[in-house]
Amino acid sequence: MIHASASRELLLVMLRQSGVAETLRELNARVPHRYTGIYRLRDGLLTNIFLHDKQGEATPTALAIVPLDISFCQFVFRDQLFRTDNSAQDKRLDGNPFQGQVMAYHGVPLVDGSGELYGSLCHFDLQPWGISDEEFEHLQLAALLMPEFLPKQ
């Protein structure tokens, strides 16, 4: 296991040298999830601004812009994290239109340097998948470092 400070330094080097898209690819390579993405919150809508897809396809239209009130990100913002390995079996999502569609979702908030909520960083998939606590902590660490590298507008 890599020490947290070493992980921090590796992530910072990757962000500085290769950028956000390559860092998302690296984060995604560590988990079974098909997608790793960043969603920007504005005016009650979450807009996908970065997405890595293991299969290399375009962002699914249904997931490009999602109203906050039906997103899984709403729970990230409320609780500071959200993890579900199988949304179809997760009672917290009863009544949500994405329950049973987006099966696995593991997300954390992105907060900019001024303390404002920017959006979310998440791994997700249309298949059920788990994530280790260590890997989730790595996602949280990445979320702490990424905001300074994200578009301001």
C-alpha atoms as a PDB file:
ATOM      1  CA  MET A   1       0.000   0.000   0.000  1.00  0.00           C
ATOM      2  CA  ILE A   2       1.281   3.460  -0.896  1.00  0.00           C
ATOM      3  CA  HIS A   3       1.414   5.906   1.997  1.00  0.00           C
ATOM      4  CA  ALA A   4      -1.166   8.722   1.816  1.00  0.00           C
ATOM      5  CA  SER A   5       1.468  11.457   1.373  1.00  0.00           C
ATOM      6  CA  ALA A   6       3.083   9.495  -1.483  1.00  0.00           C
ATOM      7  CA  SER A   7      -0.344   9.029  -3.108  1.00  0.00           C
ATOM      8  CA  ARG A   8      -0.945  12.754  -2.746  1.00  0.00           C
ATOM      9  CA  GLU A   9       2.347  13.597  -4.435  1.00  0.00           C
ATOM     10  CA  LEU A  10       1.750  11.112  -7.266  1.00  0.00           C
ATOM     11  CA  LEU A  11      -1.700  12.563  -7.912  1.00  0.00           C
ATOM     12  CA  LEU A  12      -0.343  16.129  -7.888  1.00  0.00           C
ATOM     13  CA  VAL A  13       2.419  15.219 -10.343  1.00  0.00           C
ATOM     14  CA  MET A  14      -0.100  13.557 -12.650  1.00  0.00           C
ATOM     15  CA  LEU A  15      -2.495  16.516 -12.489  1.00  0.00           C
ATOM     16  CA  ARG A  16       0.306  19.010 -13.178  1.00  0.00           C
ATOM     17  CA  GLN A  17       1.999  17.040 -15.947  1.00  0.00           C
ATOM     18  CA  SER A  18      -0.857  15.188 -17.625  1.00  0.00           C
ATOM     19  CA  GLY A  19      -4.021  17.032 -16.634  1.00  0.00           C
ATOM     20  CA  VAL A  20      -7.441  16.075 -15.373  1.00  0.00           C
ATOM     21  CA  ALA A  21      -8.436  13.713 -18.196  1.00  0.00           C
ATOM     22  CA  GLU A  22      -5.339  11.546 -17.751  1.00  0.00           C
ATOM     23  CA  THR A  23      -5.793  11.562 -13.977  1.00  0.00           C
ATOM     24  CA  LEU A  24      -9.368  10.325 -14.439  1.00  0.00           C
ATOM     25  CA  ARG A  25      -8.028   7.542 -16.658  1.00  0.00           C
ATOM     26  CA  GLU A  26      -5.601   6.543 -13.891  1.00  0.00           C
ATOM     27  CA  LEU A  27      -8.323   6.631 -11.242  1.00  0.00           C
ATOM     28  CA  ASN A  28     -10.587   4.553 -13.471  1.00  0.00           C
ATOM     29  CA  ALA A  29      -7.872   1.953 -14.130  1.00  0.00           C
ATOM     30  CA  ARG A  30      -7.809   1.206 -10.402  1.00  0.00           C
ATOM     31  CA  VAL A  31     -11.482   0.153 -10.203  1.00  0.00           C
ATOM     32  CA  PRO A  32     -13.800  -2.186 -12.144  1.00  0.00           C
ATOM     33  CA  HIS A  33     -16.254   0.639 -12.952  1.00  0.00           C
ATOM     34  CA  ARG A  34     -16.683   1.551 -16.600  1.00  0.00           C
ATOM     35  CA  TYR A  35     -16.882   5.299 -15.952  1.00  0.00           C
ATOM     36  CA  THR A  36     -15.058   7.867 -13.840  1.00  0.00           C
ATOM     37  CA  GLY A  37     -16.350  11.389 -14.193  1.00  0.00           C
ATOM     38  CA  ILE A  38     -16.548  14.933 -12.958  1.00  0.00           C
ATOM     39  CA  TYR A  39     -19.889  16.689 -12.816  1.00  0.00           C
ATOM     40  CA  ARG A  40     -20.143  20.458 -12.437  1.00  0.00           C
ATOM     41  CA  LEU A  41     -23.092  21.805 -10.428  1.00  0.00           C
ATOM     42  CA  ARG A  42     -24.767  24.943 -11.770  1.00  0.00           C
ATOM     43  CA  ASP A  43     -28.322  26.177 -11.396  1.00  0.00           C
ATOM     44  CA  GLY A  44     -29.652  22.838 -10.165  1.00  0.00           C
ATOM     45  CA  LEU A  45     -28.085  20.860 -13.018  1.00  0.00           C
ATOM     46  CA  LEU A  46     -25.083  18.558 -13.039  1.00  0.00           C
ATOM     47  CA  THR A  47     -23.152  18.748 -16.289  1.00  0.00           C
ATOM     48  CA  ASN A  48     -20.524  16.161 -17.130  1.00  0.00           C
ATOM     49  CA  ILE A  49     -17.325  18.090 -17.877  1.00  0.00           C
ATOM     50  CA  PHE A  50     -14.843  15.181 -17.831  1.00  0.00           C
ATOM     51  CA  LEU A  51     -15.534  11.486 -18.336  1.00  0.00           C
ATOM     52  CA  HIS A  52     -13.295   8.494 -18.763  1.00  0.00           C
ATOM     53  CA  ASP A  53     -15.033   5.466 -20.272  1.00  0.00           C
ATOM     54  CA  LYS A  54     -13.096   2.182 -20.289  1.00  0.00           C
ATOM     55  CA  GLN A  55     -14.830   1.379 -23.583  1.00  0.00           C
ATOM     56  CA  GLY A  56     -13.893   4.739 -25.128  1.00  0.00           C
ATOM     57  CA  GLU A  57     -17.415   5.726 -26.120  1.00  0.00           C
ATOM     58  CA  ALA A  58     -19.026   9.172 -25.924  1.00  0.00           C
ATOM     59  CA  THR A  59     -20.834  10.248 -22.774  1.00  0.00           C
ATOM     60  CA  PRO A  60     -24.274   8.607 -22.681  1.00  0.00           C
ATOM     61  CA  THR A  61     -26.841  11.311 -23.447  1.00  0.00           C
ATOM     62  CA  ALA A  62     -28.908  10.459 -20.370  1.00  0.00           C
ATOM     63  CA  LEU A  63     -25.853  11.099 -18.184  1.00  0.00           C
ATOM     64  CA  ALA A  64     -24.474  14.249 -19.856  1.00  0.00           C
ATOM     65  CA  ILE A  65     -26.730  16.665 -17.934  1.00  0.00           C
ATOM     66  CA  VAL A  66     -28.692  15.460 -14.915  1.00  0.00           C
ATOM     67  CA  PRO A  67     -31.052  17.491 -12.704  1.00  0.00           C
ATOM     68  CA  LEU A  68     -29.644  17.588  -9.168  1.00  0.00           C
ATOM     69  CA  ASP A  69     -32.899  16.439  -7.574  1.00  0.00           C
ATOM     70  CA  ILE A  70     -32.842  13.068  -9.395  1.00  0.00           C
ATOM     71  CA  SER A  71     -29.077  12.543  -9.355  1.00  0.00           C
ATOM     72  CA  PHE A  72     -27.072  10.322  -7.051  1.00  0.00           C
ATOM     73  CA  CYS A  73     -24.834  13.383  -6.573  1.00  0.00           C
ATOM     74  CA  GLN A  74     -27.515  14.975  -4.385  1.00  0.00           C
ATOM     75  CA  PHE A  75     -26.571  12.408  -1.717  1.00  0.00           C
ATOM     76  CA  VAL A  76     -22.872  13.179  -2.194  1.00  0.00           C
ATOM     77  CA  PHE A  77     -23.561  16.847  -1.488  1.00  0.00           C
ATOM     78  CA  ARG A  78     -25.842  16.136   1.458  1.00  0.00           C
ATOM     79  CA  ASP A  79     -23.664  13.499   3.144  1.00  0.00           C
ATOM     80  CA  GLN A  80     -20.190  14.383   1.773  1.00  0.00           C
ATOM     81  CA  LEU A  81     -19.982  10.978   0.065  1.00  0.00           C
ATOM     82  CA  PHE A  82     -22.228   8.370  -1.460  1.00  0.00           C
ATOM     83  CA  ARG A  83     -21.496   4.716  -2.067  1.00  0.00           C
ATOM     84  CA  THR A  84     -23.759   2.085  -3.535  1.00  0.00           C
ATOM     85  CA  ASP A  85     -22.518  -1.171  -5.017  1.00  0.00           C
ATOM     86  CA  ASN A  86     -25.956  -2.087  -6.365  1.00  0.00           C
ATOM     87  CA  SER A  87     -28.539   0.686  -6.622  1.00  0.00           C
ATOM     88  CA  ALA A  88     -31.336  -1.781  -7.392  1.00  0.00           C
ATOM     89  CA  GLN A  89     -31.016  -3.109  -3.835  1.00  0.00           C
ATOM     90  CA  ASP A  90     -30.355   0.244  -2.141  1.00  0.00           C
ATOM     91  CA  LYS A  91     -33.464   1.443  -0.262  1.00  0.00           C
ATOM     92  CA  ARG A  92     -32.022   4.986  -0.048  1.00  0.00           C
ATOM     93  CA  LEU A  93     -32.696   5.249  -3.780  1.00  0.00           C
ATOM     94  CA  ASP A  94     -36.282   3.997  -3.815  1.00  0.00           C
ATOM     95  CA  GLY A  95     -38.213   6.125  -6.298  1.00  0.00           C
ATOM     96  CA  ASN A  96     -35.124   7.518  -8.024  1.00  0.00           C
ATOM     97  CA  PRO A  97     -35.348   7.114 -11.826  1.00  0.00           C
ATOM     98  CA  PHE A  98     -31.684   6.030 -12.011  1.00  0.00           C
ATOM     99  CA  GLN A  99     -32.139   3.265  -9.419  1.00  0.00           C
ATOM    100  CA  GLY A 100     -31.400  -0.013 -11.175  1.00  0.00           C
ATOM    101  CA  GLN A 101     -30.057   1.864 -14.231  1.00  0.00           C
ATOM    102  CA  VAL A 102     -26.808   3.267 -12.859  1.00  0.00           C
ATOM    103  CA  MET A 103     -26.062   0.246 -10.704  1.00  0.00           C
ATOM    104  CA  ALA A 104     -22.761   1.138  -9.037  1.00  0.00           C
ATOM    105  CA  TYR A 105     -21.974   4.665  -7.891  1.00  0.00           C
ATOM    106  CA  HIS A 106     -19.172   5.855  -5.618  1.00  0.00           C
ATOM    107  CA  GLY A 107     -18.834   9.620  -5.384  1.00  0.00           C
ATOM    108  CA  VAL A 108     -17.356  12.492  -3.428  1.00  0.00           C
ATOM    109  CA  PRO A 109     -17.791  16.279  -3.571  1.00  0.00           C
ATOM    110  CA  LEU A 110     -15.398  18.672  -5.266  1.00  0.00           C
ATOM    111  CA  VAL A 111     -14.979  21.934  -3.370  1.00  0.00           C
ATOM    112  CA  ASP A 112     -13.028  24.815  -4.918  1.00  0.00           C
ATOM    113  CA  GLY A 113     -10.329  26.884  -3.226  1.00  0.00           C
ATOM    114  CA  SER A 114     -12.858  29.405  -1.898  1.00  0.00           C
ATOM    115  CA  GLY A 115     -14.884  26.654  -0.208  1.00  0.00           C
ATOM    116  CA  GLU A 116     -17.664  26.666  -2.797  1.00  0.00           C
ATOM    117  CA  LEU A 117     -19.177  23.405  -3.981  1.00  0.00           C
ATOM    118  CA  TYR A 118     -17.925  22.817  -7.527  1.00  0.00           C
ATOM    119  CA  GLY A 119     -19.493  19.425  -8.239  1.00  0.00           C
ATOM    120  CA  SER A 120     -18.685  15.757  -7.822  1.00  0.00           C
ATOM    121  CA  LEU A 121     -16.060  13.172  -8.701  1.00  0.00           C
ATOM    122  CA  CYS A 122     -17.401   9.664  -9.106  1.00  0.00           C
ATOM    123  CA  HIS A 123     -16.900   6.134 -10.334  1.00  0.00           C
ATOM    124  CA  PHE A 124     -20.068   4.608 -11.779  1.00  0.00           C
ATOM    125  CA  ASP A 125     -21.277   1.743 -13.928  1.00  0.00           C
ATOM    126  CA  LEU A 126     -24.369   0.139 -15.397  1.00  0.00           C
ATOM    127  CA  GLN A 127     -23.257  -3.093 -13.687  1.00  0.00           C
ATOM    128  CA  PRO A 128     -23.026  -3.605  -9.908  1.00  0.00           C
ATOM    129  CA  TRP A 129     -19.502  -3.207  -8.516  1.00  0.00           C
ATOM    130  CA  GLY A 130     -17.971  -2.666  -5.117  1.00  0.00           C
ATOM    131  CA  ILE A 131     -15.000  -0.552  -4.167  1.00  0.00           C
ATOM    132  CA  SER A 132     -12.524  -1.070  -1.347  1.00  0.00           C
ATOM    133  CA  ASP A 133     -12.248   1.453   1.464  1.00  0.00           C
ATOM    134  CA  GLU A 134      -8.655   2.110   0.385  1.00  0.00           C
ATOM    135  CA  GLU A 135      -9.750   2.890  -3.175  1.00  0.00           C
ATOM    136  CA  PHE A 136     -12.561   5.120  -1.954  1.00  0.00           C
ATOM    137  CA  GLU A 137     -10.045   7.027   0.186  1.00  0.00           C
ATOM    138  CA  HIS A 138      -7.901   7.464  -2.944  1.00  0.00           C
ATOM    139  CA  LEU A 139     -10.937   8.953  -4.727  1.00  0.00           C
ATOM    140  CA  GLN A 140     -11.462  11.319  -1.790  1.00  0.00           C
ATOM    141  CA  LEU A 141      -7.810  12.374  -1.941  1.00  0.00           C
ATOM    142  CA  ALA A 142      -8.093  13.047  -5.669  1.00  0.00           C
ATOM    143  CA  ALA A 143     -11.197  15.172  -5.012  1.00  0.00           C
ATOM    144  CA  LEU A 144      -9.225  17.332  -2.579  1.00  0.00           C
ATOM    145  CA  LEU A 145      -6.496  17.985  -5.151  1.00  0.00           C
ATOM    146  CA  MET A 146      -8.457  18.357  -8.401  1.00  0.00           C
ATOM    147  CA  PRO A 147     -10.395  21.609  -7.995  1.00  0.00           C
ATOM    148  CA  GLU A 148      -7.422  23.880  -8.743  1.00  0.00           C
ATOM    149  CA  PHE A 149      -6.990  22.072 -12.084  1.00  0.00           C
ATOM    150  CA  LEU A 150     -10.643  22.339 -13.164  1.00  0.00           C
ATOM    151  CA  PRO A 151     -12.163  25.013 -15.430  1.00  0.00           C
ATOM    152  CA  LYS A 152     -13.356  28.025 -13.445  1.00  0.00           C
ATOM    153  CA  GLN A 153     -16.223  28.885 -15.787  1.00  0.00           C
END
